[in-house]
């Protein structure tokens, strides 16, 4: 091959024409690291302060656990202090990591609330000051942040922080989280799902395409077989199973009130609870509680598990003297174990037990589920002040239902 031909196979930069060297391109990328806190609060009310004194240095009263940032926390109050060297001259207050974790970085705030209305709260906070060494790091479960000398006891007992033998503490936790994100190539605003609204409009327009109706207490409710069957296995068997009803117009429904069945259909179509006062035309918190009781039973009857849990949650929030006994019976009959535990704990409290025993609901409990009295006695015994309670009541008061001095509280039963 001649020199001229060889020379012609190369570019001026020396690259081969037949197999050129690719030209390098400069690619620039970017990402962003964001560090922030996931914040949460817990209100801890400490009643019976004078009775708690003298329990011993290093012994504490715990709050209920609460979750912030994926970790479980608790507040520990030491009436006689945490340190032997202080000789019970100070109360101690700490926030503790109550779940498994290592090197959990967090900000904390402990606030002893002024109960005089002057808002002169005692605050120890990470949130409002610069941290030279960064957030506090908790190494393992049981690690704590707080103050051994949170407040001098003599000063505390003469202050506005103690009212009616009660202290009120607000705890704030901010768990530090970091995440790294690359650039977004698009940004679209996506509306929330409105499928529930569409199904709800089907229920409101009952004259359109309905193919099944129910008669409840003389009131007629129209619906759609496919929707009912999709949401409830009981309706599916009733409308499409081997033993399905032949006439789907005017199916009689027994042992359920019309407002409750209406609320049941509302949930099936809308996937949320209706406004109980608006639905019934009645006012008062008892309306919401009573409807939740009946609706829980209906949800169990038609195997609507999510509705049953919503009602159970609502009843846990609305537990009260007049209706707690019937709610306990309901929880037992429909296997609502969390609701049952909440009711037993509420009734067993010394300040509630006397009033609950005097309600008609308690008489209903003794007749319908007498074995629950044994569990209630166990809860009363576990509280620690049961000796004082049983010195007030005859030993067989819970079991016999004897009248105690005082006026009975009338309650409408289920």
Protein backbone atom coordinates (compact mmCIF):
# COMPACT_ATOMS: atom_id res chain seq x y z
CA UNK A 1 0.00 0.00 0.00
CA UNK A 2 1.44 3.36 -0.99
CA UNK A 3 2.33 6.03 1.52
CA UNK A 4 -0.27 8.35 -0.03
CA UNK A 5 -3.05 5.81 0.47
CA UNK A 6 -1.98 5.15 4.05
CA UNK A 7 -1.82 8.84 4.79
CA UNK A 8 -5.31 9.28 3.39
CA UNK A 9 -6.76 6.87 5.94
CA UNK A 10 -6.11 9.28 8.81
CA UNK A 11 -7.57 12.64 9.80
CA UNK A 12 -5.43 15.61 10.72
CA UNK A 13 -5.87 14.77 14.43
CA UNK A 14 -4.46 11.28 13.80
CA UNK A 15 -7.77 9.41 14.10
CA UNK A 16 -8.56 6.60 11.72
CA UNK A 17 -11.21 7.44 9.14
CA UNK A 18 -12.43 3.83 9.03
CA UNK A 19 -12.60 3.51 12.82
CA UNK A 20 -12.86 7.01 14.25
CA UNK A 21 -12.30 7.71 17.94
CA UNK A 22 -15.63 8.79 19.47
CA UNK A 23 -15.76 12.35 20.61
CA UNK A 24 -16.18 12.58 24.39
CA UNK A 25 -19.29 14.44 25.57
CA UNK A 26 -19.60 16.34 28.86
CA UNK A 27 -22.66 15.18 30.87
CA UNK A 28 -23.75 17.23 33.89
CA UNK A 29 -26.06 15.80 36.55
CA UNK A 30 -27.26 17.09 39.88
CA UNK A 31 -29.01 15.92 43.02
CA UNK A 32 -30.23 17.51 46.24
CA UNK A 33 -29.89 16.24 49.78
CA UNK A 34 -32.56 17.52 52.17
CA UNK A 35 -32.39 17.10 55.94
CA UNK A 36 -35.43 17.95 58.03
CA UNK A 37 -37.44 16.70 60.97
CA UNK A 38 -40.58 14.62 61.31
CA UNK A 39 -42.37 16.25 64.23
CA UNK A 40 -44.96 15.02 66.72
CA UNK A 41 -46.35 15.92 70.14
CA UNK A 42 -47.72 14.08 73.15
CA UNK A 43 -49.68 15.54 76.07
CA UNK A 44 -49.00 13.75 79.37
CA UNK A 45 -51.34 14.52 82.28
CA UNK A 46 -50.14 13.40 85.72
CA UNK A 47 -52.93 13.23 88.31
CA UNK A 48 -52.53 12.41 92.00
CA UNK A 49 -49.13 14.09 92.34
CA UNK A 50 -49.12 13.99 96.15
CA UNK A 51 -49.80 10.24 96.11
CA UNK A 52 -46.91 9.70 93.71
CA UNK A 53 -44.41 11.39 96.02
CA UNK A 54 -42.38 8.97 98.07
CA UNK A 55 -42.42 6.15 95.51
CA UNK A 56 -38.63 6.24 95.60
CA UNK A 57 -35.66 7.89 93.93
CA UNK A 58 -35.10 6.49 90.45
CA UNK A 59 -38.69 5.25 90.11
CA UNK A 60 -40.82 6.85 87.44
CA UNK A 61 -44.36 7.22 86.13
CA UNK A 62 -44.45 6.48 82.37
CA UNK A 63 -46.74 8.03 79.82
CA UNK A 64 -48.45 5.90 77.21
CA UNK A 65 -46.16 5.28 74.25
CA UNK A 66 -46.52 7.39 71.10
CA UNK A 67 -44.96 7.23 67.64
CA UNK A 68 -42.99 9.94 65.84
CA UNK A 69 -40.79 9.46 62.80
CA UNK A 70 -41.19 5.68 62.79
CA UNK A 71 -39.97 5.28 66.38
CA UNK A 72 -41.87 4.76 69.64
CA UNK A 73 -41.32 7.20 72.51
CA UNK A 74 -42.43 7.66 76.11
CA UNK A 75 -42.21 10.37 78.78
CA UNK A 76 -40.84 9.39 82.21
CA UNK A 77 -41.71 11.51 85.27
CA UNK A 78 -39.68 10.92 88.44
CA UNK A 79 -41.60 12.40 91.44
CA UNK A 80 -38.62 11.83 93.76
CA UNK A 81 -35.97 12.54 91.16
CA UNK A 82 -33.70 10.25 89.20
CA UNK A 83 -30.43 10.81 91.04
CA UNK A 84 -29.58 9.69 94.58
CA UNK A 85 -27.26 12.67 95.04
CA UNK A 86 -30.19 15.12 94.85
CA UNK A 87 -31.93 13.44 97.81
CA UNK A 88 -35.45 13.85 96.31
CA UNK A 89 -35.12 17.64 96.22
CA UNK A 90 -35.95 17.80 92.49
CA UNK A 91 -38.42 16.17 90.14
CA UNK A 92 -36.90 14.68 86.97
CA UNK A 93 -38.41 14.56 83.49
CA UNK A 94 -37.12 12.60 80.50
CA UNK A 95 -38.08 11.52 76.99
CA UNK A 96 -37.10 7.89 76.27
CA UNK A 97 -36.71 5.89 73.08
CA UNK A 98 -39.13 2.99 73.65
CA UNK A 99 -38.53 1.04 70.43
CA UNK A 100 -35.52 -0.60 68.84
CA UNK A 101 -33.15 1.84 67.17
CA UNK A 102 -29.55 2.92 67.02
CA UNK A 103 -28.13 6.41 66.59
CA UNK A 104 -31.59 7.94 66.37
CA UNK A 105 -30.99 11.68 65.94
CA UNK A 106 -33.73 13.94 67.21
CA UNK A 107 -34.70 17.31 68.65
CA UNK A 108 -36.70 17.43 71.87
CA UNK A 109 -38.82 19.83 73.86
CA UNK A 110 -40.31 19.36 77.33
CA UNK A 111 -42.91 21.88 78.48
CA UNK A 112 -44.44 22.03 81.95
CA UNK A 113 -47.74 23.82 81.35
CA UNK A 114 -48.82 26.78 83.45
CA UNK A 115 -52.37 25.96 84.55
CA UNK A 116 -53.25 29.45 85.77
CA UNK A 117 -53.95 30.79 82.29
CA UNK A 118 -50.96 33.14 82.37
CA UNK A 119 -49.05 31.03 79.78
CA UNK A 120 -45.87 31.19 81.86
CA UNK A 121 -44.84 27.70 80.79
CA UNK A 122 -41.51 26.16 81.76
CA UNK A 123 -39.85 25.11 78.50
CA UNK A 124 -36.66 23.18 77.76
CA UNK A 125 -36.25 23.02 73.98
CA UNK A 126 -33.88 22.10 71.16
CA UNK A 127 -36.16 23.69 68.60
CA UNK A 128 -35.65 27.35 69.46
CA UNK A 129 -31.87 27.54 69.87
CA UNK A 130 -28.76 26.84 67.85
CA UNK A 131 -27.22 23.44 68.51
CA UNK A 132 -23.44 23.57 68.53
CA UNK A 133 -23.09 19.81 68.35
CA UNK A 134 -26.19 19.10 66.26
CA UNK A 135 -29.26 17.10 67.28
CA UNK A 136 -29.19 14.73 70.25
CA UNK A 137 -28.34 11.13 69.36
CA UNK A 138 -29.98 8.19 71.15
CA UNK A 139 -27.81 5.09 70.86
CA UNK A 140 -30.21 2.28 71.79
CA UNK A 141 -33.64 1.41 73.17
CA UNK A 142 -34.05 2.97 76.60
CA UNK A 143 -31.78 5.95 75.84
CA UNK A 144 -33.18 9.16 77.31
CA UNK A 145 -32.94 12.92 77.04
CA UNK A 146 -34.11 15.22 79.78
CA UNK A 147 -33.26 16.81 83.09
CA UNK A 148 -32.47 15.25 86.47
CA UNK A 149 -33.10 18.63 88.06
CA UNK A 150 -36.11 19.64 86.00
CA UNK A 151 -37.74 21.57 88.85
CA UNK A 152 -37.17 21.93 92.58
CA UNK A 153 -39.99 20.13 94.37
CA UNK A 154 -40.73 22.83 96.96
CA UNK A 155 -40.98 25.46 94.22
CA UNK A 156 -43.11 23.18 92.02
CA UNK A 157 -45.62 22.52 94.78
CA UNK A 158 -46.07 26.26 95.37
CA UNK A 159 -46.37 27.11 91.66
CA UNK A 160 -49.18 27.46 89.13
CA UNK A 161 -47.88 24.35 87.37
CA UNK A 162 -49.58 22.18 90.01
CA UNK A 163 -53.36 22.52 90.05
CA UNK A 164 -55.88 20.18 91.66
CA UNK A 165 -52.99 17.81 92.43
CA UNK A 166 -52.32 17.53 88.69
CA UNK A 167 -49.36 18.33 86.43
CA UNK A 168 -49.60 18.75 82.66
CA UNK A 169 -46.59 18.10 80.40
CA UNK A 170 -46.32 18.59 76.66
CA UNK A 171 -43.56 16.67 74.89
CA UNK A 172 -42.37 17.46 71.35
CA UNK A 173 -40.09 15.19 69.32
CA UNK A 174 -38.52 15.95 65.94
CA UNK A 175 -36.81 12.94 64.37
CA UNK A 176 -34.08 13.95 61.92
CA UNK A 177 -34.44 12.48 58.43
CA UNK A 178 -32.24 12.94 55.35
CA UNK A 179 -33.03 12.02 51.77
CA UNK A 180 -31.40 12.66 48.40
CA UNK A 181 -33.38 13.42 45.27
CA UNK A 182 -32.38 13.74 41.63
CA UNK A 183 -33.86 16.33 39.28
CA UNK A 184 -37.50 15.98 38.29
CA UNK A 185 -38.02 15.93 34.54
CA UNK A 186 -41.70 16.83 34.84
CA UNK A 187 -44.19 18.23 37.28
CA UNK A 188 -47.86 17.37 36.91
CA UNK A 189 -50.68 18.17 39.27
CA UNK A 190 -52.66 14.94 39.71
CA UNK A 191 -56.10 15.32 41.27
CA UNK A 192 -57.10 12.93 44.06
CA UNK A 193 -59.20 9.91 43.20
CA UNK A 194 -62.90 10.71 42.92
CA UNK A 195 -64.21 7.22 42.25
CA UNK A 196 -65.97 7.27 45.64
CA UNK A 197 -67.81 10.45 44.65
CA UNK A 198 -68.96 8.80 41.41
CA UNK A 199 -70.28 5.76 43.24
CA UNK A 200 -71.91 8.01 45.84
CA UNK A 201 -73.76 9.88 43.10
CA UNK A 202 -75.16 6.54 41.95
CA UNK A 203 -76.68 6.08 45.40
CA UNK A 204 -78.14 9.58 45.39
CA UNK A 205 -79.70 9.09 41.93
CA UNK A 206 -81.71 6.04 43.01
CA UNK A 207 -83.96 6.17 39.97
CA UNK A 208 -81.03 5.39 37.65
CA UNK A 209 -80.25 1.71 36.93
CA UNK A 210 -81.09 0.36 40.40
CA UNK A 211 -81.97 -3.33 40.38
CA UNK A 212 -82.51 -4.22 44.03
CA UNK A 213 -84.43 -2.67 46.92
CA UNK A 214 -84.71 -3.31 50.65
CA UNK A 215 -87.53 -2.59 53.10
CA UNK A 216 -86.28 -1.60 56.54
CA UNK A 217 -88.79 -0.50 59.19
CA UNK A 218 -91.24 0.38 56.42
CA UNK A 219 -88.70 2.52 54.54
CA UNK A 220 -87.49 1.49 51.07
CA UNK A 221 -83.84 1.73 49.97
CA UNK A 222 -82.86 1.18 46.33
CA UNK A 223 -79.36 0.04 45.34
CA UNK A 224 -77.27 -1.83 42.76
CA UNK A 225 -76.65 -5.56 43.12
CA UNK A 226 -73.15 -5.52 41.61
CA UNK A 227 -71.93 -2.77 43.92
CA UNK A 228 -73.35 -4.44 47.03
CA UNK A 229 -71.92 -7.82 46.01
CA UNK A 230 -68.50 -6.31 45.32
CA UNK A 231 -68.31 -4.65 48.72
CA UNK A 232 -69.89 -7.33 50.93
CA UNK A 233 -69.55 -11.12 50.73
CA UNK A 234 -72.86 -11.40 52.59
CA UNK A 235 -74.69 -9.37 49.95
CA UNK A 236 -72.85 -11.38 47.28
CA UNK A 237 -74.23 -14.64 48.67
CA UNK A 238 -77.69 -13.16 49.16
CA UNK A 239 -77.92 -11.74 45.62
CA UNK A 240 -75.78 -14.10 43.51
CA UNK A 241 -75.12 -17.24 45.56
CA UNK A 242 -76.75 -20.66 45.21
CA UNK A 243 -79.38 -19.71 47.81
CA UNK A 244 -79.93 -16.20 46.43
CA UNK A 245 -83.27 -14.51 46.85
CA UNK A 246 -85.50 -14.82 43.79
CA UNK A 247 -87.29 -11.51 44.14
CA UNK A 248 -84.80 -8.68 44.63
CA UNK A 249 -87.46 -5.96 44.80
CA UNK A 250 -88.54 -5.28 48.36
CA UNK A 251 -86.23 -7.57 50.34
CA UNK A 252 -87.22 -7.37 54.01
CA UNK A 253 -84.36 -6.64 56.43
CA UNK A 254 -84.99 -7.51 60.08
CA UNK A 255 -83.26 -6.46 63.31
CA UNK A 256 -81.77 -3.24 61.96
CA UNK A 257 -83.04 0.35 62.12
CA UNK A 258 -83.65 2.36 58.96
CA UNK A 259 -81.07 5.11 59.78
CA UNK A 260 -78.45 2.44 60.43
CA UNK A 261 -79.13 0.70 57.11
CA UNK A 262 -78.99 4.07 55.37
CA UNK A 263 -75.58 4.74 56.96
CA UNK A 264 -74.47 1.25 55.89
CA UNK A 265 -75.36 1.96 52.25
CA UNK A 266 -73.65 5.36 52.48
CA UNK A 267 -70.41 3.66 53.51
CA UNK A 268 -70.70 0.99 50.79
CA UNK A 269 -70.95 3.65 48.09
CA UNK A 270 -68.87 6.51 49.51
CA UNK A 271 -66.31 4.48 51.56
CA UNK A 272 -66.68 6.88 54.46
CA UNK A 273 -68.97 7.45 57.42
CA UNK A 274 -71.87 9.88 57.02
CA UNK A 275 -72.58 12.80 59.33
CA UNK A 276 -74.64 10.98 61.97
CA UNK A 277 -76.48 14.06 63.25
CA UNK A 278 -77.41 15.11 59.72
CA UNK A 279 -78.50 11.59 58.84
CA UNK A 280 -80.72 11.13 61.92
CA UNK A 281 -81.85 14.73 62.36
CA UNK A 282 -80.84 14.58 66.03
CA UNK A 283 -78.19 16.51 67.96
CA UNK A 284 -75.78 15.47 70.68
CA UNK A 285 -72.67 13.39 71.12
CA UNK A 286 -74.79 10.44 72.26
CA UNK A 287 -76.28 10.26 68.76
CA UNK A 288 -72.87 9.64 67.24
CA UNK A 289 -72.03 7.02 69.87
CA UNK A 290 -75.35 5.18 69.60
CA UNK A 291 -75.21 5.13 65.80
CA UNK A 292 -71.61 3.86 65.90
CA UNK A 293 -72.75 1.03 68.21
CA UNK A 294 -75.56 -0.05 65.88
CA UNK A 295 -73.47 0.44 62.75
CA UNK A 296 -70.66 -1.72 64.17
CA UNK A 297 -73.13 -4.57 64.66
CA UNK A 298 -74.43 -4.07 61.11
CA UNK A 299 -70.90 -3.99 59.70
CA UNK A 300 -70.16 -7.30 61.41
CA UNK A 301 -73.39 -8.76 60.07
CA UNK A 302 -72.49 -7.85 56.47
CA UNK A 303 -68.72 -8.55 56.82
CA UNK A 304 -67.67 -4.96 56.14
CA UNK A 305 -64.38 -5.13 58.02
CA UNK A 306 -63.21 -1.57 57.31
CA UNK A 307 -66.53 -0.10 58.47
CA UNK A 308 -66.35 -2.25 61.60
CA UNK A 309 -62.88 -0.89 62.41
CA UNK A 310 -64.00 2.71 61.78
CA UNK A 311 -66.87 2.24 64.22
CA UNK A 312 -64.61 0.54 66.76
CA UNK A 313 -62.14 3.44 66.54
CA UNK A 314 -64.93 6.00 66.96
CA UNK A 315 -66.31 4.20 70.01
CA UNK A 316 -62.83 4.07 71.56
CA UNK A 317 -62.66 7.87 71.25
CA UNK A 318 -66.18 8.45 72.60
CA UNK A 319 -66.15 6.11 75.61
CA UNK A 320 -68.22 7.71 78.40
CA UNK A 321 -69.93 6.82 81.68
CA UNK A 322 -73.50 6.43 80.40
CA UNK A 323 -72.74 4.16 77.43
CA UNK A 324 -69.50 2.35 78.23
CA UNK A 325 -71.22 -0.76 79.66
CA UNK A 326 -73.32 -1.36 76.53
CA UNK A 327 -70.28 -0.64 74.38
CA UNK A 328 -68.35 -3.30 76.34
CA UNK A 329 -71.10 -5.85 75.68
CA UNK A 330 -71.03 -4.92 71.98
CA UNK A 331 -67.24 -5.31 71.86
CA UNK A 332 -67.48 -8.77 73.42
CA UNK A 333 -70.28 -9.95 71.14
CA UNK A 334 -68.58 -8.76 67.95
CA UNK A 335 -64.97 -9.66 68.86
CA UNK A 336 -63.64 -6.09 69.02
CA UNK A 337 -60.72 -6.81 71.31
CA UNK A 338 -59.15 -3.34 71.31
CA UNK A 339 -62.48 -1.67 72.10
CA UNK A 340 -63.07 -4.23 74.85
CA UNK A 341 -59.72 -3.40 76.46
CA UNK A 342 -60.44 0.35 76.32
CA UNK A 343 -63.85 -0.13 77.97
CA UNK A 344 -62.52 -2.38 80.74
CA UNK A 345 -59.72 0.05 81.51
CA UNK A 346 -62.15 2.99 81.59
CA UNK A 347 -64.68 1.28 83.87
CA UNK A 348 -61.99 0.03 86.27
CA UNK A 349 -60.68 3.53 86.97
CA UNK A 350 -61.62 4.54 90.54
CA UNK A 351 -63.20 7.81 89.44
CA UNK A 352 -65.47 5.99 86.91
CA UNK A 353 -66.41 2.71 88.58
CA UNK A 354 -69.05 4.04 91.00
CA UNK A 355 -70.92 5.96 88.29
CA UNK A 356 -70.82 3.11 85.74
CA UNK A 357 -72.22 0.58 88.24
CA UNK A 358 -75.25 2.84 88.72
CA UNK A 359 -76.20 2.93 85.02
CA UNK A 360 -78.86 0.77 83.41
CA UNK A 361 -76.19 -0.26 80.93
CA UNK A 362 -74.34 -2.05 83.70
CA UNK A 363 -77.49 -4.02 84.55
CA UNK A 364 -77.70 -4.94 80.87
CA UNK A 365 -74.06 -6.09 81.00
CA UNK A 366 -74.72 -8.36 83.99
CA UNK A 367 -77.67 -10.01 82.24
CA UNK A 368 -76.20 -10.41 78.75
CA UNK A 369 -72.50 -11.08 79.51
CA UNK A 370 -72.09 -11.89 83.23
CA UNK A 371 -68.67 -13.46 82.65
CA UNK A 372 -67.34 -9.99 81.81
CA UNK A 373 -67.66 -9.11 85.50
CA UNK A 374 -64.75 -11.44 86.29
CA UNK A 375 -62.53 -9.67 83.74
CA UNK A 376 -63.63 -6.32 85.14
CA UNK A 377 -62.68 -7.39 88.66
CA UNK A 378 -59.23 -8.37 87.38
CA UNK A 379 -58.78 -4.91 85.83
CA UNK A 380 -59.92 -3.22 89.04
CA UNK A 381 -57.41 -5.27 91.02
CA UNK A 382 -54.58 -4.35 88.63
CA UNK A 383 -54.96 -0.63 89.18
CA UNK A 384 -53.44 -0.63 92.64
CA UNK A 385 -56.09 1.50 94.32
CA UNK A 386 -58.58 -1.34 94.37
CA UNK A 387 -58.33 -1.72 98.12
CA UNK A 388 -59.83 1.73 98.55
CA UNK A 389 -62.56 0.91 96.07
CA UNK A 390 -63.58 -2.33 97.72
CA UNK A 391 -63.59 -0.67 101.13
CA UNK A 392 -66.23 1.68 99.72
CA UNK A 393 -68.33 -1.02 98.01
CA UNK A 394 -69.60 -4.28 99.43
CA UNK A 395 -67.52 -7.19 98.17
CA UNK A 396 -70.38 -8.46 96.04
CA UNK A 397 -71.41 -5.06 94.66
CA UNK A 398 -70.18 -5.74 91.15
CA UNK A 399 -71.76 -9.17 91.02
CA UNK A 400 -75.09 -8.43 92.73
CA UNK A 401 -75.76 -4.96 91.38
CA UNK A 402 -76.96 -3.75 94.80
CA UNK A 403 -77.97 -0.12 94.95
CA UNK A 404 -75.24 2.24 96.10
CA UNK A 405 -76.12 5.56 97.67
CA UNK A 406 -76.61 7.94 94.81
CA UNK A 407 -78.88 8.45 91.89
CA UNK A 408 -78.96 5.98 89.00
CA UNK A 409 -78.03 7.26 85.58
CA UNK A 410 -80.62 6.20 83.03
CA UNK A 411 -79.34 4.90 79.72
CA UNK A 412 -81.07 3.88 76.55
CA UNK A 413 -80.12 0.28 75.75
CA UNK A 414 -79.39 -1.22 72.36
